[in-house]
Amino acid sequence: MEYHVEAETETGYVVPELGGIVNGERRAKKLAEQTADEHPELYVYVKWFRASDGQHGYLNRDGHSPVGKRW
C-alpha cells in the first residue's frame, strides 16, 4: 500500500517540499508525526491508496478511515 503524507496551509495549499510518498504504515506515521511536530501551523494528513483494488482513504492516529483527521 502506498501512503501520501501531505502538509497543507489553512487555505488548502499543499506544501510540496514537506511530506512525500512512503511505503509502509509505520514510515507514514513517523513522517506525519515529525512533520506535524516541526510545523504545527500546517494541517498534516496521510492518504493511502491500494492499487490492487483501487481503494483509498486516510490513515489517522487511531487507524485507517474514509475521513481524514489532522495529525
C-alpha atoms as a PDB file:
ATOM      1  CA  MET A   1       0.000   0.000   0.000  1.00  0.00           C
ATOM      2  CA  GLU A   2       1.209   3.481  -0.827  1.00  0.00           C
ATOM      3  CA  TYR A   3       0.907   6.334   1.680  1.00  0.00           C
ATOM      4  CA  HIS A   4       0.991  10.044   0.820  1.00  0.00           C
ATOM      5  CA  VAL A   5       1.910  12.380   3.659  1.00  0.00           C
ATOM      6  CA  GLU A   6       0.715  15.893   2.833  1.00  0.00           C
ATOM      7  CA  ALA A   7       1.072  19.176   4.686  1.00  0.00           C
ATOM      8  CA  GLU A   8      -1.427  21.895   3.842  1.00  0.00           C
ATOM      9  CA  THR A   9      -1.836  25.519   4.830  1.00  0.00           C
ATOM     10  CA  GLU A  10      -5.092  26.771   6.330  1.00  0.00           C
ATOM     11  CA  THR A  11      -6.236  27.784   2.846  1.00  0.00           C
ATOM     12  CA  GLY A  12      -5.610  24.297   1.400  1.00  0.00           C
ATOM     13  CA  TYR A  13      -2.310  24.900  -0.392  1.00  0.00           C
ATOM     14  CA  VAL A  14      -0.201  21.704  -0.315  1.00  0.00           C
ATOM     15  CA  VAL A  15       3.403  22.461   0.636  1.00  0.00           C
ATOM     16  CA  PRO A  16       5.264  20.230  -1.847  1.00  0.00           C
ATOM     17  CA  GLU A  17       8.630  20.155  -0.038  1.00  0.00           C
ATOM     18  CA  LEU A  18       7.069  18.685   3.111  1.00  0.00           C
ATOM     19  CA  GLY A  19       5.737  15.161   3.311  1.00  0.00           C
ATOM     20  CA  GLY A  20       6.025  12.704   0.467  1.00  0.00           C
ATOM     21  CA  ILE A  21       5.178   9.196  -0.684  1.00  0.00           C
ATOM     22  CA  VAL A  22       6.259   6.304   1.518  1.00  0.00           C
ATOM     23  CA  ASN A  23       5.704   2.568   1.627  1.00  0.00           C
ATOM     24  CA  GLY A  24       4.534   1.172   4.922  1.00  0.00           C
ATOM     25  CA  GLU A  25       2.205   2.363   7.635  1.00  0.00           C
ATOM     26  CA  ARG A  26       4.953   2.746  10.230  1.00  0.00           C
ATOM     27  CA  ARG A  27       7.022   5.035   7.986  1.00  0.00           C
ATOM     28  CA  ALA A  28       3.954   7.098   7.116  1.00  0.00           C
ATOM     29  CA  LYS A  29       3.080   7.605  10.788  1.00  0.00           C
ATOM     30  CA  LYS A  30       6.651   8.583  11.629  1.00  0.00           C
ATOM     31  CA  LEU A  31       6.844  11.130   8.795  1.00  0.00           C
ATOM     32  CA  ALA A  32       3.411  12.565   9.652  1.00  0.00           C
ATOM     33  CA  GLU A  33       4.283  12.947  13.336  1.00  0.00           C
ATOM     34  CA  GLN A  34       7.635  14.541  12.518  1.00  0.00           C
ATOM     35  CA  THR A  35       6.106  16.963  10.019  1.00  0.00           C
ATOM     36  CA  ALA A  36       3.257  17.903  12.384  1.00  0.00           C
ATOM     37  CA  ASP A  37       5.689  18.479  15.272  1.00  0.00           C
ATOM     38  CA  GLU A  38       8.016  20.652  13.178  1.00  0.00           C
ATOM     39  CA  HIS A  39       5.186  22.629  11.512  1.00  0.00           C
ATOM     40  CA  PRO A  40       2.259  22.967  13.960  1.00  0.00           C
ATOM     41  CA  GLU A  41       0.745  25.711  11.810  1.00  0.00           C
ATOM     42  CA  LEU A  42       0.095  23.238   8.972  1.00  0.00           C
ATOM     43  CA  TYR A  43      -2.552  20.568   8.519  1.00  0.00           C
ATOM     44  CA  VAL A  44      -0.840  17.200   8.042  1.00  0.00           C
ATOM     45  CA  TYR A  45      -2.788  14.278   6.566  1.00  0.00           C
ATOM     46  CA  VAL A  46      -1.852  10.776   5.483  1.00  0.00           C
ATOM     47  CA  LYS A  47      -3.734   9.480   2.446  1.00  0.00           C
ATOM     48  CA  TRP A  48      -3.425   5.889   1.281  1.00  0.00           C
ATOM     49  CA  PHE A  49      -4.081   4.098  -1.980  1.00  0.00           C
ATOM     50  CA  ARG A  50      -4.170   0.381  -2.728  1.00  0.00           C
ATOM     51  CA  ALA A  51      -3.630  -0.232  -6.435  1.00  0.00           C
ATOM     52  CA  SER A  52      -4.805  -3.853  -6.402  1.00  0.00           C
ATOM     53  CA  ASP A  53      -8.454  -2.875  -5.918  1.00  0.00           C
ATOM     54  CA  GLY A  54      -8.481   0.927  -6.197  1.00  0.00           C
ATOM     55  CA  GLN A  55      -9.335   1.520  -2.526  1.00  0.00           C
ATOM     56  CA  HIS A  56      -8.276   4.791  -0.903  1.00  0.00           C
ATOM     57  CA  GLY A  57      -8.730   6.640   2.371  1.00  0.00           C
ATOM     58  CA  TYR A  58      -6.819   8.176   5.255  1.00  0.00           C
ATOM     59  CA  LEU A  59      -4.501   6.938   7.954  1.00  0.00           C
ATOM     60  CA  ASN A  60      -5.217   8.763  11.214  1.00  0.00           C
ATOM     61  CA  ARG A  61      -3.628   8.405  14.635  1.00  0.00           C
ATOM     62  CA  ASP A  62      -6.383   5.943  15.548  1.00  0.00           C
ATOM     63  CA  GLY A  63      -6.161   3.864  12.340  1.00  0.00           C
ATOM     64  CA  HIS A  64      -7.493   3.750   8.784  1.00  0.00           C
ATOM     65  CA  SER A  65     -10.643   5.699   7.936  1.00  0.00           C
ATOM     66  CA  PRO A  66     -12.554   7.127   4.961  1.00  0.00           C
ATOM     67  CA  VAL A  67     -12.348  10.541   6.738  1.00  0.00           C
ATOM     68  CA  GLY A  68      -9.041  12.311   7.333  1.00  0.00           C
ATOM     69  CA  LYS A  69      -8.097  13.892  10.640  1.00  0.00           C
ATOM     70  CA  ARG A  70      -5.334  16.419  11.188  1.00  0.00           C
ATOM     71  CA  TRP A  71      -2.156  14.994  12.741  1.00  0.00           C
END
